[in-house]
PDB file of N, CA and C in Angstrom:
ATOM      1  N   MET A   1      19.529  37.765  22.987  1.00  0.00           N
ATOM      2  CA  MET A   1      20.451  38.811  22.748  1.00  0.00           C
ATOM      3  C   MET A   1      20.271  40.359  23.912  1.00  0.00           C
ATOM      4  N   ALA A   2      21.375  41.215  24.006  1.00  0.00           N
ATOM      5  CA  ALA A   2      21.516  41.924  25.074  1.00  0.00           C
ATOM      6  C   ALA A   2      20.914  42.456  25.435  1.00  0.00           C
ATOM      7  N   ASP A   3      20.452  43.203  26.438  1.00  0.00           N
ATOM      8  CA  ASP A   3      19.242  44.122  25.907  1.00  0.00           C
ATOM      9  C   ASP A   3      19.828  45.142  26.349  1.00  0.00           C
ATOM     10  N   LEU A   4      18.973  46.236  25.609  1.00  0.00           N
ATOM     11  CA  LEU A   4      19.038  47.743  25.043  1.00  0.00           C
ATOM     12  C   LEU A   4      17.971  48.276  25.791  1.00  0.00           C
ATOM     13  N   ASP A   5      18.032  48.807  26.894  1.00  0.00           N
ATOM     14  CA  ASP A   5      17.066  50.039  27.763  1.00  0.00           C
ATOM     15  C   ASP A   5      17.023  51.247  27.095  1.00  0.00           C
ATOM     16  N   THR A   6      15.360  51.586  27.264  1.00  0.00           N
ATOM     17  CA  THR A   6      15.558  52.961  26.701  1.00  0.00           C
ATOM     18  C   THR A   6      16.952  53.852  27.013  1.00  0.00           C
ATOM     19  N   ALA A   7      17.922  53.698  28.050  1.00  0.00           N
ATOM     20  CA  ALA A   7      19.103  54.731  28.778  1.00  0.00           C
ATOM     21  C   ALA A   7      20.099  54.459  28.054  1.00  0.00           C
ATOM     22  N   ASN A   8      19.923  53.326  27.556  1.00  0.00           N
ATOM     23  CA  ASN A   8      21.110  52.627  26.280  1.00  0.00           C
ATOM     24  C   ASN A   8      21.227  52.961  25.043  1.00  0.00           C
ATOM     25  N   ARG A   9      19.484  53.102  24.766  1.00  0.00           N
ATOM     26  CA  ARG A   9      19.529  52.673  23.880  1.00  0.00           C
ATOM     27  C   ARG A   9      19.802  54.622  23.381  1.00  0.00           C
ATOM     28  N   LYS A  10      19.305  55.672  24.199  1.00  0.00           N
ATOM     29  CA  LYS A  10      19.873  56.886  23.990  1.00  0.00           C
ATOM     30  C   LYS A  10      21.242  57.178  23.548  1.00  0.00           C
ATOM     31  N   LYS A  11      21.946  56.295  24.515  1.00  0.00           N
ATOM     32  CA  LYS A  11      23.142  56.585  24.084  1.00  0.00           C
ATOM     33  C   LYS A  11      24.056  56.449  22.986  1.00  0.00           C
ATOM     34  N   LEU A  12      23.475  55.426  22.083  1.00  0.00           N
ATOM     35  CA  LEU A  12      23.579  55.142  20.634  1.00  0.00           C
ATOM     36  C   LEU A  12      23.456  55.946  20.324  1.00  0.00           C
ATOM     37  N   ASP A  13      24.717  56.067  19.335  1.00  0.00           N
ATOM     38  CA  ASP A  13      25.122  57.302  18.416  1.00  0.00           C
ATOM     39  C   ASP A  13      23.946  56.639  16.853  1.00  0.00           C
ATOM     40  N   LYS A  14      23.762  57.470  16.538  1.00  0.00           N
ATOM     41  CA  LYS A  14      22.605  57.421  14.971  1.00  0.00           C
ATOM     42  C   LYS A  14      23.505  56.635  14.124  1.00  0.00           C
ATOM     43  N   GLU A  15      25.123  56.511  14.331  1.00  0.00           N
ATOM     44  CA  GLU A  15      25.679  55.193  13.183  1.00  0.00           C
ATOM     45  C   GLU A  15      24.763  54.364  13.413  1.00  0.00           C
ATOM     46  N   GLN A  16      24.647  53.849  14.726  1.00  0.00           N
ATOM     47  CA  GLN A  16      24.635  52.341  15.210  1.00  0.00           C
ATOM     48  C   GLN A  16      23.107  51.415  15.144  1.00  0.00           C
ATOM     49  N   PHE A  17      22.297  52.781  14.017  1.00  0.00           N
ATOM     50  CA  PHE A  17      21.225  52.001  14.053  1.00  0.00           C
ATOM     51  C   PHE A  17      20.670  51.849  12.369  1.00  0.00           C
ATOM     52  N   ALA A  18      20.506  50.831  11.876  1.00  0.00           N
ATOM     53  CA  ALA A  18      20.325  51.080  10.133  1.00  0.00           C
ATOM     54  C   ALA A  18      19.099  51.908   9.899  1.00  0.00           C
ATOM     55  N   TYR A  19      18.523  52.473  10.258  1.00  0.00           N
ATOM     56  CA  TYR A  19      18.046  53.756   9.657  1.00  0.00           C
ATOM     57  C   TYR A  19      17.249  54.532  10.879  1.00  0.00           C
ATOM     58  N   VAL A  20      17.159  56.106  10.485  1.00  0.00           N
ATOM     59  CA  VAL A  20      17.165  57.097  11.778  1.00  0.00           C
ATOM     60  C   VAL A  20      15.787  57.804  10.778  1.00  0.00           C
ATOM     61  N   ASP A  21      14.441  57.537  11.332  1.00  0.00           N
ATOM     62  CA  ASP A  21      13.715  58.117  10.798  1.00  0.00           C
ATOM     63  C   ASP A  21      13.357  59.959  10.867  1.00  0.00           C
ATOM     64  N   ARG A  22      12.611  60.546  10.275  1.00  0.00           N
ATOM     65  CA  ARG A  22      13.222  62.408  10.852  1.00  0.00           C
ATOM     66  C   ARG A  22      12.530  62.622  11.724  1.00  0.00           C
ATOM     67  N   GLU A  23      12.138  61.579  12.851  1.00  0.00           N
ATOM     68  CA  GLU A  23      12.139  62.922  14.110  1.00  0.00           C
ATOM     69  C   GLU A  23      13.586  62.144  14.567  1.00  0.00           C
ATOM     70  N   GLY A  24      14.171  61.635  14.060  1.00  0.00           N
ATOM     71  CA  GLY A  24      15.462  61.449  14.510  1.00  0.00           C
ATOM     72  C   GLY A  24      16.096  60.011  15.451  1.00  0.00           C
ATOM     73  N   THR A  25      14.696  59.489  15.733  1.00  0.00           N
ATOM     74  CA  THR A  25      14.419  57.974  16.277  1.00  0.00           C
ATOM     75  C   THR A  25      14.915  56.649  15.089  1.00  0.00           C
ATOM     76  N   GLY A  26      15.925  56.464  15.803  1.00  0.00           N
ATOM     77  CA  GLY A  26      16.761  55.324  15.125  1.00  0.00           C
ATOM     78  C   GLY A  26      16.220  54.143  15.996  1.00  0.00           C
ATOM     79  N   HIS A  27      15.915  53.091  14.175  1.00  0.00           N
ATOM     80  CA  HIS A  27      15.369  52.190  14.332  1.00  0.00           C
ATOM     81  C   HIS A  27      16.493  50.941  13.858  1.00  0.00           C
ATOM     82  N   LEU A  28      15.768  49.361  13.877  1.00  0.00           N
ATOM     83  CA  LEU A  28      16.706  48.115  14.140  1.00  0.00           C
ATOM     84  C   LEU A  28      18.240  48.814  14.442  1.00  0.00           C
ATOM     85  N   PRO A  29      18.597  48.638  15.788  1.00  0.00           N
ATOM     86  CA  PRO A  29      19.931  49.128  16.255  1.00  0.00           C
ATOM     87  C   PRO A  29      20.876  47.679  15.558  1.00  0.00           C
ATOM     88  N   VAL A  30      22.341  47.925  15.376  1.00  0.00           N
ATOM     89  CA  VAL A  30      22.991  46.684  14.609  1.00  0.00           C
ATOM     90  C   VAL A  30      24.492  47.353  15.005  1.00  0.00           C
ATOM     91  N   ASN A  31      24.143  47.373  16.786  1.00  0.00           N
ATOM     92  CA  ASN A  31      25.447  47.756  17.376  1.00  0.00           C
ATOM     93  C   ASN A  31      26.321  46.711  18.174  1.00  0.00           C
ATOM     94  N   ASP A  32      25.623  45.569  18.162  1.00  0.00           N
ATOM     95  CA  ASP A  32      26.574  44.166  18.505  1.00  0.00           C
ATOM     96  C   ASP A  32      25.569  42.891  17.629  1.00  0.00           C
ATOM     97  N   GLU A  33      26.711  41.937  17.295  1.00  0.00           N
ATOM     98  CA  GLU A  33      26.006  40.731  16.727  1.00  0.00           C
ATOM     99  C   GLU A  33      24.637  40.471  17.200  1.00  0.00           C
ATOM    100  N   ALA A  34      24.115  40.151  18.438  1.00  0.00           N
ATOM    101  CA  ALA A  34      22.475  39.834  18.522  1.00  0.00           C
ATOM    102  C   ALA A  34      21.971  41.021  18.522  1.00  0.00           C
ATOM    103  N   HIS A  35      21.658  42.475  18.006  1.00  0.00           N
ATOM    104  CA  HIS A  35      21.128  43.374  17.308  1.00  0.00           C
ATOM    105  C   HIS A  35      21.217  43.432  15.875  1.00  0.00           C
ATOM    106  N   VAL A  36      22.360  43.262  15.309  1.00  0.00           N
ATOM    107  CA  VAL A  36      22.515  42.601  13.827  1.00  0.00           C
ATOM    108  C   VAL A  36      21.406  41.662  13.161  1.00  0.00           C
ATOM    109  N   ARG A  37      21.853  40.688  14.740  1.00  0.00           N
ATOM    110  CA  ARG A  37      20.703  38.999  13.145  1.00  0.00           C
ATOM    111  C   ARG A  37      19.535  39.501  14.365  1.00  0.00           C
ATOM    112  N   ASN A  38      18.967  40.635  14.769  1.00  0.00           N
ATOM    113  CA  ASN A  38      17.561  40.649  14.981  1.00  0.00           C
ATOM    114  C   ASN A  38      17.149  41.795  13.597  1.00  0.00           C
ATOM    115  N   ALA A  39      18.056  42.997  13.409  1.00  0.00           N
ATOM    116  CA  ALA A  39      17.932  43.507  12.744  1.00  0.00           C
ATOM    117  C   ALA A  39      17.755  42.760  10.710  1.00  0.00           C
ATOM    118  N   ILE A  40      18.500  41.880  11.017  1.00  0.00           N
ATOM    119  CA  ILE A  40      18.521  41.248   9.595  1.00  0.00           C
ATOM    120  C   ILE A  40      16.577  39.881   9.639  1.00  0.00           C
ATOM    121  N   ALA A  41      16.696  39.732  10.487  1.00  0.00           N
ATOM    122  CA  ALA A  41      14.901  39.054  10.935  1.00  0.00           C
ATOM    123  C   ALA A  41      13.488  40.334  10.813  1.00  0.00           C
ATOM    124  N   ARG A  42      14.124  41.107  10.958  1.00  0.00           N
ATOM    125  CA  ARG A  42      13.092  41.954  11.224  1.00  0.00           C
ATOM    126  C   ARG A  42      12.903  43.236  10.604  1.00  0.00           C
ATOM    127  N   TRP A  43      13.953  43.064   9.361  1.00  0.00           N
ATOM    128  CA  TRP A  43      13.978  44.619   8.452  1.00  0.00           C
ATOM    129  C   TRP A  43      13.122  44.473   7.469  1.00  0.00           C
ATOM    130  N   ASN A  44      12.217  43.049   7.170  1.00  0.00           N
ATOM    131  CA  ASN A  44      11.580  43.034   6.110  1.00  0.00           C
ATOM    132  C   ASN A  44       9.684  43.211   7.121  1.00  0.00           C
ATOM    133  N   GLN A  45      10.335  43.209   7.861  1.00  0.00           N
ATOM    134  CA  GLN A  45       8.704  44.052   8.826  1.00  0.00           C
ATOM    135  C   GLN A  45       8.817  45.388   9.409  1.00  0.00           C
ATOM    136  N   THR A  46       9.798  46.061   8.832  1.00  0.00           N
ATOM    137  CA  THR A  46       9.672  47.499   9.163  1.00  0.00           C
ATOM    138  C   THR A  46       9.275  48.366   7.968  1.00  0.00           C
ATOM    139  N   ASP A  47       8.502  49.399   8.464  1.00  0.00           N
ATOM    140  CA  ASP A  47       7.676  50.310   7.902  1.00  0.00           C
ATOM    141  C   ASP A  47       9.130  51.275   7.209  1.00  0.00           C
ATOM    142  N   PHE A  48       9.121  51.271   5.850  1.00  0.00           N
ATOM    143  CA  PHE A  48      10.014  52.607   5.739  1.00  0.00           C
ATOM    144  C   PHE A  48       9.415  53.545   4.729  1.00  0.00           C
ATOM    145  N   PRO A  49       9.880  54.732   5.250  1.00  0.00           N
ATOM    146  CA  PRO A  49       8.975  55.575   4.038  1.00  0.00           C
ATOM    147  C   PRO A  49       9.009  55.658   2.733  1.00  0.00           C
ATOM    148  N   SER A  50      10.232  55.348   1.905  1.00  0.00           N
ATOM    149  CA  SER A  50      10.497  54.821   0.740  1.00  0.00           C
ATOM    150  C   SER A  50      11.283  53.486   0.240  1.00  0.00           C
ATOM    151  N   LYS A  51      11.591  53.217  -0.303  1.00  0.00           N
ATOM    152  CA  LYS A  51      12.349  52.494  -1.266  1.00  0.00           C
ATOM    153  C   LYS A  51      13.590  52.719  -1.282  1.00  0.00           C
ATOM    154  N   THR A  52      13.936  54.056  -0.665  1.00  0.00           N
ATOM    155  CA  THR A  52      15.395  54.221  -0.891  1.00  0.00           C
ATOM    156  C   THR A  52      16.006  54.277   0.493  1.00  0.00           C
ATOM    157  N   ALA A  53      15.095  54.583   1.214  1.00  0.00           N
ATOM    158  CA  ALA A  53      15.321  54.364   3.281  1.00  0.00           C
ATOM    159  C   ALA A  53      15.307  52.956   3.252  1.00  0.00           C
ATOM    160  N   LYS A  54      14.848  52.128   2.436  1.00  0.00           N
ATOM    161  CA  LYS A  54      15.038  50.108   3.324  1.00  0.00           C
ATOM    162  C   LYS A  54      15.847  50.101   2.242  1.00  0.00           C
ATOM    163  N   GLU A  55      16.383  50.794   1.328  1.00  0.00           N
ATOM    164  CA  GLU A  55      17.606  49.673   0.667  1.00  0.00           C
ATOM    165  C   GLU A  55      18.849  50.513   1.262  1.00  0.00           C
ATOM    166  N   GLN A  56      19.004  51.448   2.125  1.00  0.00           N
ATOM    167  CA  GLN A  56      19.833  52.254   2.470  1.00  0.00           C
ATOM    168  C   GLN A  56      20.003  51.048   3.706  1.00  0.00           C
ATOM    169  N   ALA A  57      18.964  51.425   4.775  1.00  0.00           N
ATOM    170  CA  ALA A  57      19.235  50.813   5.964  1.00  0.00           C
ATOM    171  C   ALA A  57      19.662  48.371   5.372  1.00  0.00           C
ATOM    172  N   ARG A  58      18.851  48.057   4.372  1.00  0.00           N
ATOM    173  CA  ARG A  58      19.586  47.162   4.251  1.00  0.00           C
ATOM    174  C   ARG A  58      21.010  47.056   4.028  1.00  0.00           C
ATOM    175  N   ARG A  59      21.738  47.806   3.418  1.00  0.00           N
ATOM    176  CA  ARG A  59      22.814  47.740   3.014  1.00  0.00           C
ATOM    177  C   ARG A  59      23.630  48.365   4.029  1.00  0.00           C
ATOM    178  N   LYS A  60      23.328  48.978   5.378  1.00  0.00           N
ATOM    179  CA  LYS A  60      23.584  48.915   6.806  1.00  0.00           C
ATOM    180  C   LYS A  60      23.736  47.681   7.056  1.00  0.00           C
ATOM    181  N   ILE A  61      22.538  46.825   7.254  1.00  0.00           N
ATOM    182  CA  ILE A  61      22.557  45.576   8.098  1.00  0.00           C
ATOM    183  C   ILE A  61      23.732  45.104   7.240  1.00  0.00           C
ATOM    184  N   LEU A  62      23.786  45.207   6.133  1.00  0.00           N
ATOM    185  CA  LEU A  62      24.608  43.583   5.290  1.00  0.00           C
ATOM    186  C   LEU A  62      26.083  44.537   6.107  1.00  0.00           C
ATOM    187  N   ALA A  63      26.549  45.988   6.249  1.00  0.00           N
ATOM    188  CA  ALA A  63      27.789  46.162   6.284  1.00  0.00           C
ATOM    189  C   ALA A  63      27.618  45.634   8.057  1.00  0.00           C
ATOM    190  N   ALA A  64      27.113  45.927   8.600  1.00  0.00           N
ATOM    191  CA  ALA A  64      27.009  45.463  10.128  1.00  0.00           C
ATOM    192  C   ALA A  64      27.655  44.114  10.516  1.00  0.00           C
ATOM    193  N   ALA A  65      26.685  43.216   9.120  1.00  0.00           N
ATOM    194  CA  ALA A  65      26.529  41.658   9.430  1.00  0.00           C
ATOM    195  C   ALA A  65      28.608  41.194   8.562  1.00  0.00           C
ATOM    196  N   ARG A  66      28.842  41.683   8.469  1.00  0.00           N
ATOM    197  CA  ARG A  66      30.288  41.652   7.474  1.00  0.00           C
ATOM    198  C   ARG A  66      31.314  42.162   8.708  1.00  0.00           C
ATOM    199  N   ARG A  67      31.112  43.306   9.588  1.00  0.00           N
ATOM    200  CA  ARG A  67      31.985  43.529  10.783  1.00  0.00           C
ATOM    201  C   ARG A  67      32.205  42.920  11.897  1.00  0.00           C
ATOM    202  N   HIS A  68      30.504  41.917  11.891  1.00  0.00           N
ATOM    203  CA  HIS A  68      30.293  41.000  12.726  1.00  0.00           C
ATOM    204  C   HIS A  68      30.566  39.581  13.044  1.00  0.00           C
ATOM    205  N   ASN A  69      31.310  39.312  11.261  1.00  0.00           N
ATOM    206  CA  ASN A  69      31.279  38.242  10.723  1.00  0.00           C
ATOM    207  C   ASN A  69      29.823  37.019  10.946  1.00  0.00           C
ATOM    208  N   ILE A  70      29.194  37.671  10.330  1.00  0.00           N
ATOM    209  CA  ILE A  70      27.740  36.975  10.313  1.00  0.00           C
ATOM    210  C   ILE A  70      27.209  36.272   8.838  1.00  0.00           C
ATOM    211  N   ASP A  71      27.359  35.381   8.615  1.00  0.00           N
ATOM    212  CA  ASP A  71      27.099  34.890   7.013  1.00  0.00           C
ATOM    213  C   ASP A  71      25.509  35.496   6.968  1.00  0.00           C
ATOM    214  N   VAL A  72      24.887  35.863   5.739  1.00  0.00           N
ATOM    215  CA  VAL A  72      24.078  36.083   4.961  1.00  0.00           C
ATOM    216  C   VAL A  72      23.490  35.205   4.402  1.00  0.00           C
ATOM    217  N   SER A  73      22.216  34.380   4.397  1.00  0.00           N
ATOM    218  CA  SER A  73      21.757  33.808   2.961  1.00  0.00           C
ATOM    219  C   SER A  73      21.634  34.415   1.825  1.00  0.00           C
ATOM    220  N   ASP A  74      22.493  34.211   0.992  1.00  0.00           N
ATOM    221  CA  ASP A  74      22.323  34.749  -0.501  1.00  0.00           C
ATOM    222  C   ASP A  74      20.863  34.576  -0.581  1.00  0.00           C
ATOM    223  N   ASP A  75      19.546  33.905  -0.106  1.00  0.00           N
ATOM    224  CA  ASP A  75      18.361  33.829  -0.844  1.00  0.00           C
ATOM    225  C   ASP A  75      17.554  34.344   0.665  1.00  0.00           C
ATOM    226  N   GLY A  76      18.269  35.287   1.120  1.00  0.00           N
ATOM    227  CA  GLY A  76      17.189  35.797   2.251  1.00  0.00           C
ATOM    228  C   GLY A  76      16.888  37.315   1.645  1.00  0.00           C
ATOM    229  N   MET A  77      15.724  37.840   2.600  1.00  0.00           N
ATOM    230  CA  MET A  77      15.560  38.976   2.113  1.00  0.00           C
ATOM    231  C   MET A  77      16.234  40.159   2.037  1.00  0.00           C
ATOM    232  N   VAL A  78      17.006  40.278   3.097  1.00  0.00           N
ATOM    233  CA  VAL A  78      18.242  41.234   3.660  1.00  0.00           C
ATOM    234  C   VAL A  78      18.927  41.058   2.448  1.00  0.00           C
ATOM    235  N   ALA A  79      19.343  40.421   2.291  1.00  0.00           N
ATOM    236  CA  ALA A  79      20.581  39.639   1.077  1.00  0.00           C
ATOM    237  C   ALA A  79      20.142  40.177  -0.445  1.00  0.00           C
ATOM    238  N   LYS A  80      18.881  40.541  -0.498  1.00  0.00           N
ATOM    239  CA  LYS A  80      18.529  40.815  -2.243  1.00  0.00           C
ATOM    240  C   LYS A  80      18.195  42.171  -2.334  1.00  0.00           C
ATOM    241  N   PRO A  81      19.378  42.922  -3.481  1.00  0.00           N
ATOM    242  CA  PRO A  81      18.366  44.432  -2.856  1.00  0.00           C
ATOM    243  C   PRO A  81      16.719  44.395  -3.499  1.00  0.00           C
ATOM    244  N   ALA A  82      16.354  45.138  -3.038  1.00  0.00           N
ATOM    245  CA  ALA A  82      14.962  45.471  -3.179  1.00  0.00           C
ATOM    246  C   ALA A  82      14.474  45.546  -4.301  1.00  0.00           C
ATOM    247  N   ALA A  83      13.711  45.186  -4.680  1.00  0.00           N
ATOM    248  CA  ALA A  83      13.020  45.049  -6.143  1.00  0.00           C
ATOM    249  C   ALA A  83      12.296  46.343  -6.348  1.00  0.00           C
ATOM    250  N   THR A  84      12.351  47.324  -7.530  1.00  0.00           N
ATOM    251  CA  THR A  84      11.949  48.552  -8.378  1.00  0.00           C
ATOM    252  C   THR A  84      10.716  48.403  -8.573  1.00  0.00           C
TER     253      THR A  84
END
């Protein structure tokens, strides 16, 4: 995966993260193919403050995967809508 050090991470636009918390910290960067793959793998391991935030992050990850031509397994956790 491409290294994303602190300085480069701060340069990313907030839209390049699947989730941005209340303090403005971005989580699960989706700025390139490697980070999208990592976000897919880590999405279900990430603590979100609400089901809504988790669902919005899931959708952003899937959109980024489509942009980077990454196939997401239909049975994968990030491919399924969050259970209510």
